[in-house]
Amino acid sequence: MNKYHARSVDYDGYHFDSQKECTRYQELKLLEMAGEIIDIAVHPEFILLDKFTYRGQVIQGIKYSPDFMYTECNGETKVIEEVKGGKATRTRDFELRRKLFLHKYPDFDYRII
């Protein structure tokens, strides 16, 4: 159990941080079988900031792994989804990474479920 009282779940070869996230994955799989979406990716990784050197010190980059990525049936709308249990789960770190993602990858339709 994490600090938000969510229980992690292992399902279909993936580790989900909550039952809600696992349930959303199951819904997305049904949408994929119905032909409404394609190319589901679980926890895809995006580089928000490359590593760099500052005054001789290597500074690690910043990565972001949203819960899901998929393409809607029109083949043009690429969607990023984050499954959140409530306002308390929208931490400062999450908000910062979300803003950096929106700036660097504006072509995605970003959704919080």
Foldseek 3Di string as FASTA:
>chain_A
DDPVPAPWDQDPNDIGRHVQLVVVVVVVVVCVVVLFWDDKDAFDKDWLFCWDDDPNRIRHTDMGTAGIWIGGNVRQAIEGEHEDDDPVRCDPVNVVVVVSCCVVPVRHDYYYD
